[in-house]
Amino acid sequence: MKQATHCVSSDGKTIAYVRGREIRAIQWDGTDDRLLVDLPSGDPYVVPMCFEPNTRKLYYKLDREESSQLVYDLRCYDLATGVDAFVYEGTHLFSTQGYLMWHPDGDYMLVGRGDDNKVRAWYPQANAVAPISASDMPFNQFYTFSRDGRYLHFIGGTAGRQLFRLDLLGGTPELLATFNSQRQPAWLAISADGSYAFVTVYEDSIGEPVLEKLDLLTGDLVMVGNIDSDTDMPATRGCP
């Protein structure tokens, strides 16, 4: 595996994770560790995954080669029925850098960035994939919704060192902060009340992760503290 992810169900009771070439699920108390999906052979794989809000459905994305081009399949495993099925098959519009994240109201799920720098979403009622905004979002790799679903925050811009906020009701991305040129953002979360953004950044000189907190009202950016170098912060991607 080039990269593995894990995620937590919306009720907090089930954790899905990758071990070897298996997608597995375990209960929060460590019981009922079980196999969900045997992943195909081949290398590399990226396995972003995300539970649909208020359901037992686990969505995940696999890359594969077809006609000398990488394509990305969106699949769904229903923990209630044990059925694993294609949802949206074989499209180059899914980026391996883009992880899966449901909008808080459950109307659509972000699936990645296309070659045109636009973040795309899968709309389940129409079974269609389309950009969520006409605005370009260059170099974005990490994104998350505000809890009310109105804004999409993302890391992008020059060398991927800037934090933006996009109003999903319209408009263009608003620049909130620019990080030190020696620091590379690698993870993003928004506080429940929408007041703060928490960003993990890596020091270029030493490669150690640091957690920073940005006040979204005042623009003040402060370091919260160092993070254990063995902590895989990006592994939580796709899980609000």
C-alpha atoms as a PDB file:
ATOM      1  CA  MET A   1       0.000   0.000   0.000  1.00  0.00           C
ATOM      2  CA  LYS A   2       1.277   3.423  -0.909  1.00  0.00           C
ATOM      3  CA  GLN A   3      -1.172   5.015   1.523  1.00  0.00           C
ATOM      4  CA  ALA A   4      -3.859   3.690   3.811  1.00  0.00           C
ATOM      5  CA  THR A   5      -6.675   5.545   5.496  1.00  0.00           C
ATOM      6  CA  HIS A   6      -9.118   4.950   8.279  1.00  0.00           C
ATOM      7  CA  CYS A   7     -12.384   6.636   9.185  1.00  0.00           C
ATOM      8  CA  VAL A   8     -15.053   6.629  11.857  1.00  0.00           C
ATOM      9  CA  SER A   9     -18.798   6.219  11.416  1.00  0.00           C
ATOM     10  CA  SER A  10     -20.982   9.213  12.266  1.00  0.00           C
ATOM     11  CA  ASP A  11     -22.212   7.540  15.460  1.00  0.00           C
ATOM     12  CA  GLY A  12     -18.617   7.015  16.569  1.00  0.00           C
ATOM     13  CA  LYS A  13     -19.058   3.280  17.063  1.00  0.00           C
ATOM     14  CA  THR A  14     -17.289   1.768  14.030  1.00  0.00           C
ATOM     15  CA  ILE A  15     -13.790   2.347  12.656  1.00  0.00           C
ATOM     16  CA  ALA A  16     -12.936   1.246   9.117  1.00  0.00           C
ATOM     17  CA  TYR A  17      -9.256   0.799   8.303  1.00  0.00           C
ATOM     18  CA  VAL A  18      -6.833  -0.833   5.872  1.00  0.00           C
ATOM     19  CA  ARG A  19      -4.516  -3.669   6.912  1.00  0.00           C
ATOM     20  CA  GLY A  20      -2.329  -5.211   4.257  1.00  0.00           C
ATOM     21  CA  ARG A  21      -4.676  -5.666   1.317  1.00  0.00           C
ATOM     22  CA  GLU A  22      -7.859  -5.737   3.348  1.00  0.00           C
ATOM     23  CA  ILE A  23     -10.436  -3.149   4.322  1.00  0.00           C
ATOM     24  CA  ARG A  24     -11.604  -4.071   7.808  1.00  0.00           C
ATOM     25  CA  ALA A  25     -13.962  -2.701  10.457  1.00  0.00           C
ATOM     26  CA  ILE A  26     -13.705  -2.788  14.223  1.00  0.00           C
ATOM     27  CA  GLN A  27     -15.927  -1.471  17.004  1.00  0.00           C
ATOM     28  CA  TRP A  28     -14.754   1.482  19.077  1.00  0.00           C
ATOM     29  CA  ASP A  29     -14.111  -0.783  22.081  1.00  0.00           C
ATOM     30  CA  GLY A  30     -11.831  -3.102  20.082  1.00  0.00           C
ATOM     31  CA  THR A  31     -14.360  -5.892  19.533  1.00  0.00           C
ATOM     32  CA  ASP A  32     -15.767  -7.424  16.338  1.00  0.00           C
ATOM     33  CA  ASP A  33     -12.699  -6.880  14.124  1.00  0.00           C
ATOM     34  CA  ARG A  34     -13.848  -8.201  10.748  1.00  0.00           C
ATOM     35  CA  LEU A  35     -12.935  -8.295   7.079  1.00  0.00           C
ATOM     36  CA  LEU A  36     -15.038  -6.175   4.726  1.00  0.00           C
ATOM     37  CA  VAL A  37     -13.207  -6.136   1.394  1.00  0.00           C
ATOM     38  CA  ASP A  38     -10.271  -8.025  -0.128  1.00  0.00           C
ATOM     39  CA  LEU A  39      -8.410  -5.437  -2.208  1.00  0.00           C
ATOM     40  CA  PRO A  40      -7.103  -6.425  -5.663  1.00  0.00           C
ATOM     41  CA  SER A  41      -3.466  -7.309  -6.168  1.00  0.00           C
ATOM     42  CA  GLY A  42      -1.168  -4.700  -7.672  1.00  0.00           C
ATOM     43  CA  ASP A  43       0.711  -1.661  -6.511  1.00  0.00           C
ATOM     44  CA  PRO A  44       0.356   1.132  -5.639  1.00  0.00           C
ATOM     45  CA  TYR A  45      -3.076   1.711  -4.129  1.00  0.00           C
ATOM     46  CA  VAL A  46      -4.573   4.712  -2.411  1.00  0.00           C
ATOM     47  CA  VAL A  47      -7.654   3.936  -0.364  1.00  0.00           C
ATOM     48  CA  PRO A  48      -9.519   7.058   0.753  1.00  0.00           C
ATOM     49  CA  MET A  49     -12.726   6.104   2.556  1.00  0.00           C
ATOM     50  CA  CYS A  50     -15.635   7.734   4.324  1.00  0.00           C
ATOM     51  CA  PHE A  51     -18.870   6.657   6.007  1.00  0.00           C
ATOM     52  CA  GLU A  52     -22.075   8.185   4.714  1.00  0.00           C
ATOM     53  CA  PRO A  53     -23.653  10.269   7.505  1.00  0.00           C
ATOM     54  CA  ASN A  54     -26.180   8.388   9.630  1.00  0.00           C
ATOM     55  CA  THR A  55     -25.834   5.159   7.652  1.00  0.00           C
ATOM     56  CA  ARG A  56     -23.803   1.954   7.707  1.00  0.00           C
ATOM     57  CA  LYS A  57     -22.450   2.542   4.204  1.00  0.00           C
ATOM     58  CA  LEU A  58     -18.692   2.866   3.707  1.00  0.00           C
ATOM     59  CA  TYR A  59     -17.556   4.565   0.494  1.00  0.00           C
ATOM     60  CA  TYR A  60     -14.013   4.087  -0.775  1.00  0.00           C
ATOM     61  CA  LYS A  61     -11.974   4.877  -3.865  1.00  0.00           C
ATOM     62  CA  LEU A  62      -9.477   2.671  -5.698  1.00  0.00           C
ATOM     63  CA  ASP A  63      -7.113   3.483  -8.520  1.00  0.00           C
ATOM     64  CA  ARG A  64      -6.307   1.047 -11.324  1.00  0.00           C
ATOM     65  CA  GLU A  65      -4.736   1.165 -14.763  1.00  0.00           C
ATOM     66  CA  GLU A  66      -6.848   0.985 -17.888  1.00  0.00           C
ATOM     67  CA  SER A  67      -5.432   1.517 -21.393  1.00  0.00           C
ATOM     68  CA  SER A  68      -2.203   2.913 -19.902  1.00  0.00           C
ATOM     69  CA  GLN A  69      -4.166   5.499 -17.913  1.00  0.00           C
ATOM     70  CA  LEU A  70      -5.031   5.552 -14.229  1.00  0.00           C
ATOM     71  CA  VAL A  71      -8.757   5.586 -13.545  1.00  0.00           C
ATOM     72  CA  TYR A  72     -10.490   5.815 -10.199  1.00  0.00           C
ATOM     73  CA  ASP A  73     -13.460   3.763  -9.115  1.00  0.00           C
ATOM     74  CA  LEU A  74     -15.865   4.809  -6.384  1.00  0.00           C
ATOM     75  CA  ARG A  75     -17.275   1.840  -4.494  1.00  0.00           C
ATOM     76  CA  CYS A  76     -19.589   1.309  -1.542  1.00  0.00           C
ATOM     77  CA  TYR A  77     -19.640  -1.413   1.104  1.00  0.00           C
ATOM     78  CA  ASP A  78     -22.902  -1.704   3.036  1.00  0.00           C
ATOM     79  CA  LEU A  79     -22.090  -2.967   6.539  1.00  0.00           C
ATOM     80  CA  ALA A  80     -25.745  -3.818   7.104  1.00  0.00           C
ATOM     81  CA  THR A  81     -26.062  -6.167   4.113  1.00  0.00           C
ATOM     82  CA  GLY A  82     -22.438  -7.080   3.362  1.00  0.00           C
ATOM     83  CA  VAL A  83     -22.846  -5.993  -0.275  1.00  0.00           C
ATOM     84  CA  ASP A  84     -19.855  -4.372  -2.006  1.00  0.00           C
ATOM     85  CA  ALA A  85     -20.615  -2.651  -5.302  1.00  0.00           C
ATOM     86  CA  PHE A  86     -19.466  -0.094  -7.857  1.00  0.00           C
ATOM     87  CA  VAL A  87     -21.011   3.323  -7.406  1.00  0.00           C
ATOM     88  CA  TYR A  88     -19.229   5.319 -10.095  1.00  0.00           C
ATOM     89  CA  GLU A  89     -16.763   3.502 -12.306  1.00  0.00           C
ATOM     90  CA  GLY A  90     -13.569   4.377 -14.086  1.00  0.00           C
ATOM     91  CA  THR A  91     -13.050   8.126 -14.313  1.00  0.00           C
ATOM     92  CA  HIS A  92      -9.844  10.155 -14.579  1.00  0.00           C
ATOM     93  CA  LEU A  93     -11.604  13.066 -12.868  1.00  0.00           C
ATOM     94  CA  PHE A  94     -10.928  11.600  -9.441  1.00  0.00           C
ATOM     95  CA  SER A  95      -7.548  12.688  -8.129  1.00  0.00           C
ATOM     96  CA  THR A  96      -5.463  10.346  -6.006  1.00  0.00           C
ATOM     97  CA  GLN A  97      -4.718  13.373  -3.824  1.00  0.00           C
ATOM     98  CA  GLY A  98      -8.401  14.004  -3.256  1.00  0.00           C
ATOM     99  CA  TYR A  99     -10.018  12.179  -0.389  1.00  0.00           C
ATOM    100  CA  LEU A 100     -13.689  11.485   0.251  1.00  0.00           C
ATOM    101  CA  MET A 101     -15.859  13.750   2.384  1.00  0.00           C
ATOM    102  CA  TRP A 102     -19.626  14.023   2.665  1.00  0.00           C
ATOM    103  CA  HIS A 103     -21.313  17.397   2.814  1.00  0.00           C
ATOM    104  CA  PRO A 104     -22.894  17.793   6.284  1.00  0.00           C
ATOM    105  CA  ASP A 105     -26.421  17.603   4.862  1.00  0.00           C
ATOM    106  CA  GLY A 106     -25.613  14.374   2.986  1.00  0.00           C
ATOM    107  CA  ASP A 107     -26.588  15.708  -0.447  1.00  0.00           C
ATOM    108  CA  TYR A 108     -23.223  14.992  -2.061  1.00  0.00           C
ATOM    109  CA  MET A 109     -19.723  13.702  -1.391  1.00  0.00           C
ATOM    110  CA  LEU A 110     -16.438  15.312  -2.416  1.00  0.00           C
ATOM    111  CA  VAL A 111     -14.398  12.845  -4.467  1.00  0.00           C
ATOM    112  CA  GLY A 112     -11.244  14.733  -5.499  1.00  0.00           C
ATOM    113  CA  ARG A 113      -9.775  17.315  -7.822  1.00  0.00           C
ATOM    114  CA  GLY A 114      -9.736  17.047 -11.590  1.00  0.00           C
ATOM    115  CA  ASP A 115      -6.965  18.139 -13.921  1.00  0.00           C
ATOM    116  CA  ASP A 116      -8.730  21.502 -14.271  1.00  0.00           C
ATOM    117  CA  ASN A 117      -8.121  22.373 -10.579  1.00  0.00           C
ATOM    118  CA  LYS A 118     -11.806  22.053  -9.708  1.00  0.00           C
ATOM    119  CA  VAL A 119     -12.983  19.959  -6.776  1.00  0.00           C
ATOM    120  CA  ARG A 120     -15.655  17.497  -7.827  1.00  0.00           C
ATOM    121  CA  ALA A 121     -18.523  15.900  -5.976  1.00  0.00           C
ATOM    122  CA  TRP A 122     -20.590  12.791  -6.527  1.00  0.00           C
ATOM    123  CA  TYR A 123     -24.346  13.404  -6.385  1.00  0.00           C
ATOM    124  CA  PRO A 124     -26.023  10.107  -5.415  1.00  0.00           C
ATOM    125  CA  GLN A 125     -29.559  10.906  -6.584  1.00  0.00           C
ATOM    126  CA  ALA A 126     -28.343  11.545 -10.131  1.00  0.00           C
ATOM    127  CA  ASN A 127     -25.303   9.233  -9.882  1.00  0.00           C
ATOM    128  CA  ALA A 128     -23.291  12.016 -11.470  1.00  0.00           C
ATOM    129  CA  VAL A 129     -19.965  13.743 -10.805  1.00  0.00           C
ATOM    130  CA  ALA A 130     -19.623  17.512 -11.272  1.00  0.00           C
ATOM    131  CA  PRO A 131     -17.550  20.455  -9.960  1.00  0.00           C
ATOM    132  CA  ILE A 132     -18.960  21.991  -6.781  1.00  0.00           C
ATOM    133  CA  SER A 133     -17.893  25.471  -7.910  1.00  0.00           C
ATOM    134  CA  ALA A 134     -16.835  27.262 -11.076  1.00  0.00           C
ATOM    135  CA  SER A 135     -13.818  28.619  -9.191  1.00  0.00           C
ATOM    136  CA  ASP A 136     -10.383  27.092  -9.639  1.00  0.00           C
ATOM    137  CA  MET A 137      -8.763  25.707  -6.491  1.00  0.00           C
ATOM    138  CA  PRO A 138      -5.119  25.241  -7.550  1.00  0.00           C
ATOM    139  CA  PHE A 139      -2.914  22.711  -5.811  1.00  0.00           C
ATOM    140  CA  ASN A 140      -5.535  21.904  -3.193  1.00  0.00           C
ATOM    141  CA  GLN A 141      -4.852  18.646  -1.394  1.00  0.00           C
ATOM    142  CA  PHE A 142      -6.594  19.064   1.952  1.00  0.00           C
ATOM    143  CA  TYR A 143     -10.129  20.349   2.389  1.00  0.00           C
ATOM    144  CA  THR A 144     -12.963  20.284   4.881  1.00  0.00           C
ATOM    145  CA  PHE A 145     -16.459  21.721   5.252  1.00  0.00           C
ATOM    146  CA  SER A 146     -17.606  24.110   7.929  1.00  0.00           C
ATOM    147  CA  ARG A 147     -20.061  22.356  10.233  1.00  0.00           C
ATOM    148  CA  ASP A 148     -23.025  24.236   8.733  1.00  0.00           C
ATOM    149  CA  GLY A 149     -21.933  23.172   5.233  1.00  0.00           C
ATOM    150  CA  ARG A 150     -21.785  26.683   3.801  1.00  0.00           C
ATOM    151  CA  TYR A 151     -18.005  26.954   3.415  1.00  0.00           C
ATOM    152  CA  LEU A 152     -15.289  24.735   2.050  1.00  0.00           C
ATOM    153  CA  HIS A 153     -11.869  25.391   3.550  1.00  0.00           C
ATOM    154  CA  PHE A 154      -8.855  24.143   1.631  1.00  0.00           C
ATOM    155  CA  ILE A 155      -5.077  24.308   1.481  1.00  0.00           C
ATOM    156  CA  GLY A 156      -3.792  25.511  -1.887  1.00  0.00           C
ATOM    157  CA  GLY A 157      -2.320  28.477  -3.682  1.00  0.00           C
ATOM    158  CA  THR A 158       1.381  29.059  -4.217  1.00  0.00           C
ATOM    159  CA  ALA A 159       3.271  25.839  -3.419  1.00  0.00           C
ATOM    160  CA  GLY A 160       0.250  24.654  -1.430  1.00  0.00           C
ATOM    161  CA  ARG A 161       1.038  26.908   1.556  1.00  0.00           C
ATOM    162  CA  GLN A 162      -2.118  29.020   1.760  1.00  0.00           C
ATOM    163  CA  LEU A 163      -5.479  28.492   3.484  1.00  0.00           C
ATOM    164  CA  PHE A 164      -8.596  29.526   1.565  1.00  0.00           C
ATOM    165  CA  ARG A 165     -12.331  29.597   2.289  1.00  0.00           C
ATOM    166  CA  LEU A 166     -14.894  29.169  -0.483  1.00  0.00           C
ATOM    167  CA  ASP A 167     -18.510  30.245   0.044  1.00  0.00           C
ATOM    168  CA  LEU A 168     -20.512  27.463  -1.590  1.00  0.00           C
ATOM    169  CA  LEU A 169     -23.414  29.858  -2.138  1.00  0.00           C
ATOM    170  CA  GLY A 170     -21.251  31.753  -4.624  1.00  0.00           C
ATOM    171  CA  GLY A 171     -18.108  33.802  -4.988  1.00  0.00           C
ATOM    172  CA  THR A 172     -14.411  33.109  -5.308  1.00  0.00           C
ATOM    173  CA  PRO A 173     -11.994  31.600  -2.760  1.00  0.00           C
ATOM    174  CA  GLU A 174     -11.028  33.984   0.062  1.00  0.00           C
ATOM    175  CA  LEU A 175      -7.412  33.880   1.280  1.00  0.00           C
ATOM    176  CA  LEU A 176      -7.316  33.411   5.060  1.00  0.00           C
ATOM    177  CA  ALA A 177      -3.650  32.759   5.807  1.00  0.00           C
ATOM    178  CA  THR A 178      -0.251  32.150   4.249  1.00  0.00           C
ATOM    179  CA  PHE A 179       2.057  29.745   6.031  1.00  0.00           C
ATOM    180  CA  ASN A 180       5.768  30.177   6.559  1.00  0.00           C
ATOM    181  CA  SER A 181       7.770  29.255   3.450  1.00  0.00           C
ATOM    182  CA  GLN A 182       9.617  26.652   5.524  1.00  0.00           C
ATOM    183  CA  ARG A 183       6.413  24.919   6.569  1.00  0.00           C
ATOM    184  CA  GLN A 184       4.274  22.594   4.467  1.00  0.00           C
ATOM    185  CA  PRO A 185       0.601  22.145   5.530  1.00  0.00           C
ATOM    186  CA  ALA A 186      -0.441  18.492   5.630  1.00  0.00           C
ATOM    187  CA  TRP A 187      -3.801  18.261   7.435  1.00  0.00           C
ATOM    188  CA  LEU A 188      -6.793  20.520   8.082  1.00  0.00           C
ATOM    189  CA  ALA A 189      -9.771  20.630  10.445  1.00  0.00           C
ATOM    190  CA  ILE A 190     -12.289  23.293  11.471  1.00  0.00           C
ATOM    191  CA  SER A 191     -13.545  23.676  15.053  1.00  0.00           C
ATOM    192  CA  ALA A 192     -17.176  22.808  15.761  1.00  0.00           C
ATOM    193  CA  ASP A 193     -18.138  26.477  16.228  1.00  0.00           C
ATOM    194  CA  GLY A 194     -16.309  27.531  13.061  1.00  0.00           C
ATOM    195  CA  SER A 195     -14.010  29.934  14.901  1.00  0.00           C
ATOM    196  CA  TYR A 196     -10.693  28.168  14.388  1.00  0.00           C
ATOM    197  CA  ALA A 197      -8.815  26.197  11.758  1.00  0.00           C
ATOM    198  CA  PHE A 198      -6.338  23.602  12.949  1.00  0.00           C
ATOM    199  CA  VAL A 199      -3.543  22.825  10.521  1.00  0.00           C
ATOM    200  CA  THR A 200      -0.716  20.322  10.769  1.00  0.00           C
ATOM    201  CA  VAL A 201       2.431  21.653   9.120  1.00  0.00           C
ATOM    202  CA  TYR A 202       5.807  20.022   8.556  1.00  0.00           C
ATOM    203  CA  GLU A 203       9.033  21.909   9.140  1.00  0.00           C
ATOM    204  CA  ASP A 204      11.096  21.626   5.945  1.00  0.00           C
ATOM    205  CA  SER A 205      14.327  21.670   7.895  1.00  0.00           C
ATOM    206  CA  ILE A 206      13.539  18.873  10.358  1.00  0.00           C
ATOM    207  CA  GLY A 207      10.460  17.176   8.956  1.00  0.00           C
ATOM    208  CA  GLU A 208       8.656  17.206  12.311  1.00  0.00           C
ATOM    209  CA  PRO A 209       4.885  17.896  12.351  1.00  0.00           C
ATOM    210  CA  VAL A 210       3.607  20.946  14.223  1.00  0.00           C
ATOM    211  CA  LEU A 211      -0.034  21.762  15.036  1.00  0.00           C
ATOM    212  CA  GLU A 212      -1.050  25.380  14.419  1.00  0.00           C
ATOM    213  CA  LYS A 213      -4.328  27.138  15.241  1.00  0.00           C
ATOM    214  CA  LEU A 214      -5.704  29.965  13.119  1.00  0.00           C
ATOM    215  CA  ASP A 215      -8.350  32.326  14.515  1.00  0.00           C
ATOM    216  CA  LEU A 216     -10.694  32.730  11.539  1.00  0.00           C
ATOM    217  CA  LEU A 217     -12.073  36.006  12.926  1.00  0.00           C
ATOM    218  CA  THR A 218      -8.824  37.832  13.732  1.00  0.00           C
ATOM    219  CA  GLY A 219      -6.371  36.010  11.461  1.00  0.00           C
ATOM    220  CA  ASP A 220      -4.040  35.262  14.379  1.00  0.00           C
ATOM    221  CA  LEU A 221      -1.945  32.143  13.812  1.00  0.00           C
ATOM    222  CA  VAL A 222      -0.341  30.435  16.813  1.00  0.00           C
ATOM    223  CA  MET A 223       1.549  27.196  17.294  1.00  0.00           C
ATOM    224  CA  VAL A 224      -0.281  24.752  19.547  1.00  0.00           C
ATOM    225  CA  GLY A 225       2.596  22.301  19.895  1.00  0.00           C
ATOM    226  CA  ASN A 226       4.681  19.547  18.367  1.00  0.00           C
ATOM    227  CA  ILE A 227       3.191  16.233  17.276  1.00  0.00           C
ATOM    228  CA  ASP A 228       4.842  12.866  17.662  1.00  0.00           C
ATOM    229  CA  SER A 229       6.706  12.175  14.419  1.00  0.00           C
ATOM    230  CA  ASP A 230       5.088   8.729  14.231  1.00  0.00           C
ATOM    231  CA  THR A 231       1.579  10.197  14.184  1.00  0.00           C
ATOM    232  CA  ASP A 232      -0.059   9.729  10.781  1.00  0.00           C
ATOM    233  CA  MET A 233      -2.255  12.819  10.744  1.00  0.00           C
ATOM    234  CA  PRO A 234      -3.172  12.592   7.034  1.00  0.00           C
ATOM    235  CA  ALA A 235      -4.531   9.111   7.672  1.00  0.00           C
ATOM    236  CA  THR A 236      -7.604  10.683   9.231  1.00  0.00           C
ATOM    237  CA  ARG A 237      -8.456  12.473   6.013  1.00  0.00           C
ATOM    238  CA  GLY A 238     -11.967  12.100   4.787  1.00  0.00           C
ATOM    239  CA  CYS A 239     -13.385  11.966   8.283  1.00  0.00           C
ATOM    240  CA  PRO A 240     -14.753  15.254   9.597  1.00  0.00           C
END
